[in-house]
PDB file of N, CA and C in Angstrom:
ATOM      1  N   UNK A   1      43.598  29.442   6.562  1.00  0.00           N
ATOM      2  CA  UNK A   1      44.425  30.490   5.986  1.00  0.00           C
ATOM      3  C   UNK A   1      43.559  31.328   5.034  1.00  0.00           C
ATOM      4  N   UNK A   2      43.674  32.680   5.122  1.00  0.00           N
ATOM      5  CA  UNK A   2      42.877  33.533   4.241  1.00  0.00           C
ATOM      6  C   UNK A   2      43.264  33.331   2.776  1.00  0.00           C
ATOM      7  N   UNK A   3      42.285  33.572   1.911  1.00  0.00           N
ATOM      8  CA  UNK A   3      42.517  33.423   0.477  1.00  0.00           C
ATOM      9  C   UNK A   3      43.523  34.470  -0.003  1.00  0.00           C
ATOM     10  N   UNK A   4      44.388  34.051  -0.891  1.00  0.00           N
ATOM     11  CA  UNK A   4      45.352  34.967  -1.487  1.00  0.00           C
ATOM     12  C   UNK A   4      44.780  35.409  -2.824  1.00  0.00           C
ATOM     13  N   UNK A   5      44.247  36.609  -2.838  1.00  0.00           N
ATOM     14  CA  UNK A   5      43.678  37.150  -4.061  1.00  0.00           C
ATOM     15  C   UNK A   5      44.126  38.606  -4.215  1.00  0.00           C
ATOM     16  N   UNK A   6      43.668  39.243  -5.258  1.00  0.00           N
ATOM     17  CA  UNK A   6      44.105  40.612  -5.545  1.00  0.00           C
ATOM     18  C   UNK A   6      43.790  41.565  -4.390  1.00  0.00           C
ATOM     19  N   UNK A   7      42.597  41.449  -3.816  1.00  0.00           N
ATOM     20  CA  UNK A   7      42.218  42.345  -2.727  1.00  0.00           C
ATOM     21  C   UNK A   7      43.105  42.141  -1.503  1.00  0.00           C
ATOM     22  N   UNK A   8      43.392  40.902  -1.162  1.00  0.00           N
ATOM     23  CA  UNK A   8      44.241  40.618   0.002  1.00  0.00           C
ATOM     24  C   UNK A   8      45.639  41.200  -0.196  1.00  0.00           C
ATOM     25  N   UNK A   9      46.179  41.050  -1.392  1.00  0.00           N
ATOM     26  CA  UNK A   9      47.511  41.601  -1.692  1.00  0.00           C
ATOM     27  C   UNK A   9      47.473  43.128  -1.612  1.00  0.00           C
ATOM     28  N   UNK A  10      46.426  43.721  -2.191  1.00  0.00           N
ATOM     29  CA  UNK A  10      46.292  45.180  -2.170  1.00  0.00           C
ATOM     30  C   UNK A  10      46.197  45.700  -0.736  1.00  0.00           C
ATOM     31  N   UNK A  11      45.377  45.079   0.087  1.00  0.00           N
ATOM     32  CA  UNK A  11      45.206  45.529   1.474  1.00  0.00           C
ATOM     33  C   UNK A  11      46.510  45.396   2.269  1.00  0.00           C
ATOM     34  N   UNK A  12      47.229  44.310   2.050  1.00  0.00           N
ATOM     35  CA  UNK A  12      48.518  44.131   2.733  1.00  0.00           C
ATOM     36  C   UNK A  12      49.525  45.196   2.306  1.00  0.00           C
ATOM     37  N   UNK A  13      49.558  45.501   1.024  1.00  0.00           N
ATOM     38  CA  UNK A  13      50.479  46.521   0.525  1.00  0.00           C
ATOM     39  C   UNK A  13      50.108  47.900   1.064  1.00  0.00           C
ATOM     40  N   UNK A  14      48.820  48.213   1.090  1.00  0.00           N
ATOM     41  CA  UNK A  14      48.371  49.498   1.638  1.00  0.00           C
ATOM     42  C   UNK A  14      48.803  49.623   3.093  1.00  0.00           C
ATOM     43  N   UNK A  15      48.586  48.579   3.865  1.00  0.00           N
ATOM     44  CA  UNK A  15      48.980  48.591   5.278  1.00  0.00           C
ATOM     45  C   UNK A  15      50.493  48.781   5.425  1.00  0.00           C
ATOM     46  N   UNK A  16      51.259  48.095   4.599  1.00  0.00           N
ATOM     47  CA  UNK A  16      52.715  48.217   4.636  1.00  0.00           C
ATOM     48  C   UNK A  16      53.153  49.653   4.337  1.00  0.00           C
ATOM     49  N   UNK A  17      52.572  50.255   3.309  1.00  0.00           N
ATOM     50  CA  UNK A  17      52.937  51.620   2.939  1.00  0.00           C
ATOM     51  C   UNK A  17      52.531  52.626   4.015  1.00  0.00           C
ATOM     52  N   UNK A  18      51.358  52.441   4.610  1.00  0.00           N
ATOM     53  CA  UNK A  18      50.924  53.324   5.698  1.00  0.00           C
ATOM     54  C   UNK A  18      51.897  53.227   6.865  1.00  0.00           C
ATOM     55  N   UNK A  19      52.320  52.011   7.180  1.00  0.00           N
ATOM     56  CA  UNK A  19      53.268  51.813   8.281  1.00  0.00           C
ATOM     57  C   UNK A  19      54.624  52.456   8.004  1.00  0.00           C
ATOM     58  N   UNK A  20      54.920  52.708   6.729  1.00  0.00           N
ATOM     59  CA  UNK A  20      56.179  53.362   6.362  1.00  0.00           C
ATOM     60  C   UNK A  20      56.026  54.877   6.240  1.00  0.00           C
ATOM     61  N   UNK A  21      54.842  55.383   6.562  1.00  0.00           N
ATOM     62  CA  UNK A  21      54.642  56.825   6.584  1.00  0.00           C
ATOM     63  C   UNK A  21      53.909  57.415   5.396  1.00  0.00           C
ATOM     64  N   UNK A  22      53.494  56.584   4.447  1.00  0.00           N
ATOM     65  CA  UNK A  22      52.751  57.095   3.303  1.00  0.00           C
ATOM     66  C   UNK A  22      51.318  57.418   3.712  1.00  0.00           C
ATOM     67  N   UNK A  23      50.715  58.378   3.014  1.00  0.00           N
ATOM     68  CA  UNK A  23      49.315  58.722   3.244  1.00  0.00           C
ATOM     69  C   UNK A  23      48.462  57.918   2.272  1.00  0.00           C
ATOM     70  N   UNK A  24      47.350  57.414   2.764  1.00  0.00           N
ATOM     71  CA  UNK A  24      46.460  56.615   1.922  1.00  0.00           C
ATOM     72  C   UNK A  24      45.102  57.296   1.846  1.00  0.00           C
ATOM     73  N   UNK A  25      44.592  57.423   0.644  1.00  0.00           N
ATOM     74  CA  UNK A  25      43.250  57.933   0.416  1.00  0.00           C
ATOM     75  C   UNK A  25      42.512  56.907  -0.427  1.00  0.00           C
ATOM     76  N   UNK A  26      41.355  56.478   0.037  1.00  0.00           N
ATOM     77  CA  UNK A  26      40.550  55.535  -0.742  1.00  0.00           C
ATOM     78  C   UNK A  26      40.133  56.220  -2.037  1.00  0.00           C
ATOM     79  N   UNK A  27      40.038  55.458  -3.093  1.00  0.00           N
ATOM     80  CA  UNK A  27      39.747  56.040  -4.408  1.00  0.00           C
ATOM     81  C   UNK A  27      38.464  56.858  -4.414  1.00  0.00           C
ATOM     82  N   UNK A  28      37.477  56.494  -3.594  1.00  0.00           N
ATOM     83  CA  UNK A  28      36.213  57.230  -3.581  1.00  0.00           C
ATOM     84  C   UNK A  28      36.382  58.649  -3.044  1.00  0.00           C
ATOM     85  N   UNK A  29      37.458  58.902  -2.314  1.00  0.00           N
ATOM     86  CA  UNK A  29      37.678  60.253  -1.787  1.00  0.00           C
ATOM     87  C   UNK A  29      38.443  61.137  -2.764  1.00  0.00           C
ATOM     88  N   UNK A  30      38.858  60.605  -3.896  1.00  0.00           N
ATOM     89  CA  UNK A  30      39.667  61.354  -4.858  1.00  0.00           C
ATOM     90  C   UNK A  30      38.938  61.662  -6.160  1.00  0.00           C
ATOM     91  N   UNK A  31      37.688  61.227  -6.276  1.00  0.00           N
ATOM     92  CA  UNK A  31      36.937  61.396  -7.519  1.00  0.00           C
ATOM     93  C   UNK A  31      36.581  62.864  -7.738  1.00  0.00           C
ATOM     94  N   UNK A  32      36.267  63.253  -8.975  1.00  0.00           N
ATOM     95  CA  UNK A  32      36.036  64.661  -9.295  1.00  0.00           C
ATOM     96  C   UNK A  32      35.000  65.377  -8.422  1.00  0.00           C
ATOM     97  N   UNK A  33      33.946  64.711  -8.004  1.00  0.00           N
ATOM     98  CA  UNK A  33      32.887  65.382  -7.240  1.00  0.00           C
ATOM     99  C   UNK A  33      32.989  65.155  -5.739  1.00  0.00           C
ATOM    100  N   UNK A  34      34.163  64.799  -5.236  1.00  0.00           N
ATOM    101  CA  UNK A  34      34.333  64.532  -3.808  1.00  0.00           C
ATOM    102  C   UNK A  34      34.801  65.786  -3.073  1.00  0.00           C
ATOM    103  N   UNK A  35      34.995  65.646  -1.763  1.00  0.00           N
ATOM    104  CA  UNK A  35      35.506  66.759  -0.960  1.00  0.00           C
ATOM    105  C   UNK A  35      36.979  67.042  -1.248  1.00  0.00           C
ATOM    106  N   UNK A  36      37.674  66.065  -1.824  1.00  0.00           N
ATOM    107  CA  UNK A  36      39.109  66.172  -2.094  1.00  0.00           C
ATOM    108  C   UNK A  36      39.382  65.731  -3.532  1.00  0.00           C
ATOM    109  N   UNK A  37      38.816  66.427  -4.518  1.00  0.00           N
ATOM    110  CA  UNK A  37      38.966  65.955  -5.900  1.00  0.00           C
ATOM    111  C   UNK A  37      40.413  66.005  -6.366  1.00  0.00           C
ATOM    112  N   UNK A  38      40.929  64.876  -6.791  1.00  0.00           N
ATOM    113  CA  UNK A  38      42.304  64.782  -7.272  1.00  0.00           C
ATOM    114  C   UNK A  38      42.357  64.281  -8.708  1.00  0.00           C
ATOM    115  N   UNK A  39      41.291  63.680  -9.162  1.00  0.00           N
ATOM    116  CA  UNK A  39      41.247  63.126 -10.514  1.00  0.00           C
ATOM    117  C   UNK A  39      40.406  64.018 -11.419  1.00  0.00           C
ATOM    118  N   UNK A  40      40.835  64.159 -12.660  1.00  0.00           N
ATOM    119  CA  UNK A  40      40.083  64.926 -13.636  1.00  0.00           C
ATOM    120  C   UNK A  40      38.860  64.119 -14.067  1.00  0.00           C
ATOM    121  N   UNK A  41      39.054  62.842 -14.286  1.00  0.00           N
ATOM    122  CA  UNK A  41      38.001  61.903 -14.677  1.00  0.00           C
ATOM    123  C   UNK A  41      38.089  60.690 -13.767  1.00  0.00           C
ATOM    124  N   UNK A  42      37.019  59.905 -13.710  1.00  0.00           N
ATOM    125  CA  UNK A  42      37.027  58.711 -12.867  1.00  0.00           C
ATOM    126  C   UNK A  42      38.106  57.720 -13.272  1.00  0.00           C
ATOM    127  N   UNK A  43      38.414  57.660 -14.565  1.00  0.00           N
ATOM    128  CA  UNK A  43      39.404  56.690 -15.034  1.00  0.00           C
ATOM    129  C   UNK A  43      40.818  57.271 -15.135  1.00  0.00           C
ATOM    130  N   UNK A  44      41.041  58.469 -14.609  1.00  0.00           N
ATOM    131  CA  UNK A  44      42.378  59.067 -14.617  1.00  0.00           C
ATOM    132  C   UNK A  44      43.312  58.254 -13.731  1.00  0.00           C
ATOM    133  N   UNK A  45      44.459  57.902 -14.270  1.00  0.00           N
ATOM    134  CA  UNK A  45      45.441  57.123 -13.519  1.00  0.00           C
ATOM    135  C   UNK A  45      46.399  58.050 -12.781  1.00  0.00           C
ATOM    136  N   UNK A  46      46.810  59.111 -13.428  1.00  0.00           N
ATOM    137  CA  UNK A  46      47.778  60.046 -12.852  1.00  0.00           C
ATOM    138  C   UNK A  46      47.033  61.128 -12.067  1.00  0.00           C
ATOM    139  N   UNK A  47      47.467  61.370 -10.842  1.00  0.00           N
ATOM    140  CA  UNK A  47      46.950  62.501 -10.068  1.00  0.00           C
ATOM    141  C   UNK A  47      47.743  63.718 -10.529  1.00  0.00           C
ATOM    142  N   UNK A  48      47.170  64.440 -11.485  1.00  0.00           N
ATOM    143  CA  UNK A  48      47.915  65.441 -12.245  1.00  0.00           C
ATOM    144  C   UNK A  48      48.526  66.545 -11.388  1.00  0.00           C
ATOM    145  N   UNK A  49      47.800  67.066 -10.406  1.00  0.00           N
ATOM    146  CA  UNK A  49      48.363  68.137  -9.566  1.00  0.00           C
ATOM    147  C   UNK A  49      49.575  67.651  -8.782  1.00  0.00           C
ATOM    148  N   UNK A  50      49.478  66.439  -8.231  1.00  0.00           N
ATOM    149  CA  UNK A  50      50.607  65.887  -7.474  1.00  0.00           C
ATOM    150  C   UNK A  50      51.790  65.611  -8.397  1.00  0.00           C
ATOM    151  N   UNK A  51      51.492  65.079  -9.574  1.00  0.00           N
ATOM    152  CA  UNK A  51      52.555  64.770 -10.525  1.00  0.00           C
ATOM    153  C   UNK A  51      53.282  66.042 -10.953  1.00  0.00           C
ATOM    154  N   UNK A  52      52.517  67.064 -11.279  1.00  0.00           N
ATOM    155  CA  UNK A  52      53.108  68.328 -11.733  1.00  0.00           C
ATOM    156  C   UNK A  52      53.982  68.948 -10.639  1.00  0.00           C
ATOM    157  N   UNK A  53      53.482  68.982  -9.411  1.00  0.00           N
ATOM    158  CA  UNK A  53      54.281  69.579  -8.333  1.00  0.00           C
ATOM    159  C   UNK A  53      55.509  68.733  -8.010  1.00  0.00           C
ATOM    160  N   UNK A  54      55.401  67.415  -8.154  1.00  0.00           N
ATOM    161  CA  UNK A  54      56.557  66.545  -7.915  1.00  0.00           C
ATOM    162  C   UNK A  54      57.622  66.748  -8.981  1.00  0.00           C
ATOM    163  N   UNK A  55      57.198  66.911 -10.231  1.00  0.00           N
ATOM    164  CA  UNK A  55      58.166  67.191 -11.300  1.00  0.00           C
ATOM    165  C   UNK A  55      58.957  68.458 -10.984  1.00  0.00           C
ATOM    166  N   UNK A  56      58.249  69.496 -10.565  1.00  0.00           N
ATOM    167  CA  UNK A  56      58.908  70.766 -10.252  1.00  0.00           C
ATOM    168  C   UNK A  56      59.850  70.622  -9.057  1.00  0.00           C
ATOM    169  N   UNK A  57      59.409  69.888  -8.051  1.00  0.00           N
ATOM    170  CA  UNK A  57      60.217  69.713  -6.839  1.00  0.00           C
ATOM    171  C   UNK A  57      61.477  68.897  -7.121  1.00  0.00           C
ATOM    172  N   UNK A  58      61.351  67.851  -7.943  1.00  0.00           N
ATOM    173  CA  UNK A  58      62.483  66.975  -8.234  1.00  0.00           C
ATOM    174  C   UNK A  58      63.443  67.553  -9.270  1.00  0.00           C
ATOM    175  N   UNK A  59      62.968  68.514 -10.051  1.00  0.00           N
ATOM    176  CA  UNK A  59      63.780  69.087 -11.133  1.00  0.00           C
ATOM    177  C   UNK A  59      63.746  70.615 -11.075  1.00  0.00           C
ATOM    178  N   UNK A  60      64.217  71.209  -9.996  1.00  0.00           N
ATOM    179  CA  UNK A  60      64.090  72.661  -9.838  1.00  0.00           C
ATOM    180  C   UNK A  60      64.862  73.478 -10.876  1.00  0.00           C
ATOM    181  N   UNK A  61      65.849  72.886 -11.516  1.00  0.00           N
ATOM    182  CA  UNK A  61      66.667  73.633 -12.473  1.00  0.00           C
ATOM    183  C   UNK A  61      66.153  73.553 -13.909  1.00  0.00           C
ATOM    184  N   UNK A  62      65.151  72.710 -14.153  1.00  0.00           N
ATOM    185  CA  UNK A  62      64.621  72.606 -15.511  1.00  0.00           C
ATOM    186  C   UNK A  62      63.731  73.803 -15.823  1.00  0.00           C
ATOM    187  N   UNK A  63      63.802  74.306 -17.050  1.00  0.00           N
ATOM    188  CA  UNK A  63      62.898  75.396 -17.429  1.00  0.00           C
ATOM    189  C   UNK A  63      61.452  74.890 -17.493  1.00  0.00           C
ATOM    190  N   UNK A  64      60.512  75.810 -17.347  1.00  0.00           N
ATOM    191  CA  UNK A  64      59.092  75.449 -17.359  1.00  0.00           C
ATOM    192  C   UNK A  64      58.692  74.705 -18.626  1.00  0.00           C
ATOM    193  N   UNK A  65      59.298  75.065 -19.755  1.00  0.00           N
ATOM    194  CA  UNK A  65      58.941  74.396 -21.007  1.00  0.00           C
ATOM    195  C   UNK A  65      59.324  72.920 -20.976  1.00  0.00           C
ATOM    196  N   UNK A  66      60.473  72.602 -20.400  1.00  0.00           N
ATOM    197  CA  UNK A  66      60.910  71.205 -20.296  1.00  0.00           C
ATOM    198  C   UNK A  66      60.021  70.434 -19.333  1.00  0.00           C
ATOM    199  N   UNK A  67      59.636  71.068 -18.229  1.00  0.00           N
ATOM    200  CA  UNK A  67      58.735  70.417 -17.273  1.00  0.00           C
ATOM    201  C   UNK A  67      57.388  70.118 -17.921  1.00  0.00           C
ATOM    202  N   UNK A  68      56.856  71.099 -18.665  1.00  0.00           N
ATOM    203  CA  UNK A  68      55.559  70.909 -19.310  1.00  0.00           C
ATOM    204  C   UNK A  68      55.638  69.838 -20.389  1.00  0.00           C
ATOM    205  N   UNK A  69      56.724  69.795 -21.133  1.00  0.00           N
ATOM    206  CA  UNK A  69      56.892  68.768 -22.163  1.00  0.00           C
ATOM    207  C   UNK A  69      56.952  67.381 -21.530  1.00  0.00           C
ATOM    208  N   UNK A  70      57.682  67.248 -20.452  1.00  0.00           N
ATOM    209  CA  UNK A  70      57.769  65.969 -19.741  1.00  0.00           C
ATOM    210  C   UNK A  70      56.407  65.562 -19.218  1.00  0.00           C
ATOM    211  N   UNK A  71      55.713  66.500 -18.621  1.00  0.00           N
ATOM    212  CA  UNK A  71      54.372  66.275 -18.087  1.00  0.00           C
ATOM    213  C   UNK A  71      53.445  65.749 -19.185  1.00  0.00           C
ATOM    214  N   UNK A  72      53.441  66.418 -20.326  1.00  0.00           N
ATOM    215  CA  UNK A  72      52.579  66.011 -21.443  1.00  0.00           C
ATOM    216  C   UNK A  72      52.969  64.642 -21.990  1.00  0.00           C
ATOM    217  N   UNK A  73      54.260  64.357 -22.072  1.00  0.00           N
ATOM    218  CA  UNK A  73      54.712  63.059 -22.575  1.00  0.00           C
ATOM    219  C   UNK A  73      54.245  61.924 -21.672  1.00  0.00           C
ATOM    220  N   UNK A  74      54.344  62.109 -20.377  1.00  0.00           N
ATOM    221  CA  UNK A  74      53.909  61.061 -19.444  1.00  0.00           C
ATOM    222  C   UNK A  74      52.404  60.863 -19.549  1.00  0.00           C
ATOM    223  N   UNK A  75      51.640  61.946 -19.614  1.00  0.00           N
ATOM    224  CA  UNK A  75      50.189  61.814 -19.708  1.00  0.00           C
ATOM    225  C   UNK A  75      49.748  61.152 -21.004  1.00  0.00           C
ATOM    226  N   UNK A  76      50.539  61.285 -22.056  1.00  0.00           N
ATOM    227  CA  UNK A  76      50.148  60.706 -23.345  1.00  0.00           C
ATOM    228  C   UNK A  76      50.690  59.294 -23.565  1.00  0.00           C
ATOM    229  N   UNK A  77      51.366  58.714 -22.574  1.00  0.00           N
ATOM    230  CA  UNK A  77      51.935  57.370 -22.745  1.00  0.00           C
ATOM    231  C   UNK A  77      50.882  56.323 -23.082  1.00  0.00           C
ATOM    232  N   UNK A  78      49.699  56.439 -22.530  1.00  0.00           N
ATOM    233  CA  UNK A  78      48.664  55.441 -22.772  1.00  0.00           C
ATOM    234  C   UNK A  78      47.858  55.685 -24.026  1.00  0.00           C
ATOM    235  N   UNK A  79      48.137  56.761 -24.736  1.00  0.00           N
ATOM    236  CA  UNK A  79      47.356  57.106 -25.936  1.00  0.00           C
ATOM    237  C   UNK A  79      47.820  56.357 -27.151  1.00  0.00           C
TER     238      UNK A  79
END
């Protein structure tokens, strides 16, 4: 039986999500100097462009100021 470790769990979850229609990008393809830069810094947890567009899509009636305030609050949670 294969070892049950963090990598095995991660790979199984990735496969499960792909099978449900999610798109998967390896972290190396999302770094700032890649062909598809999605992270501001290597240690960025939030994909800011995706997060910002999702906020707008999920809350179309909120004014821009409320969206920006929410965006900033989420980004500052770890500070």
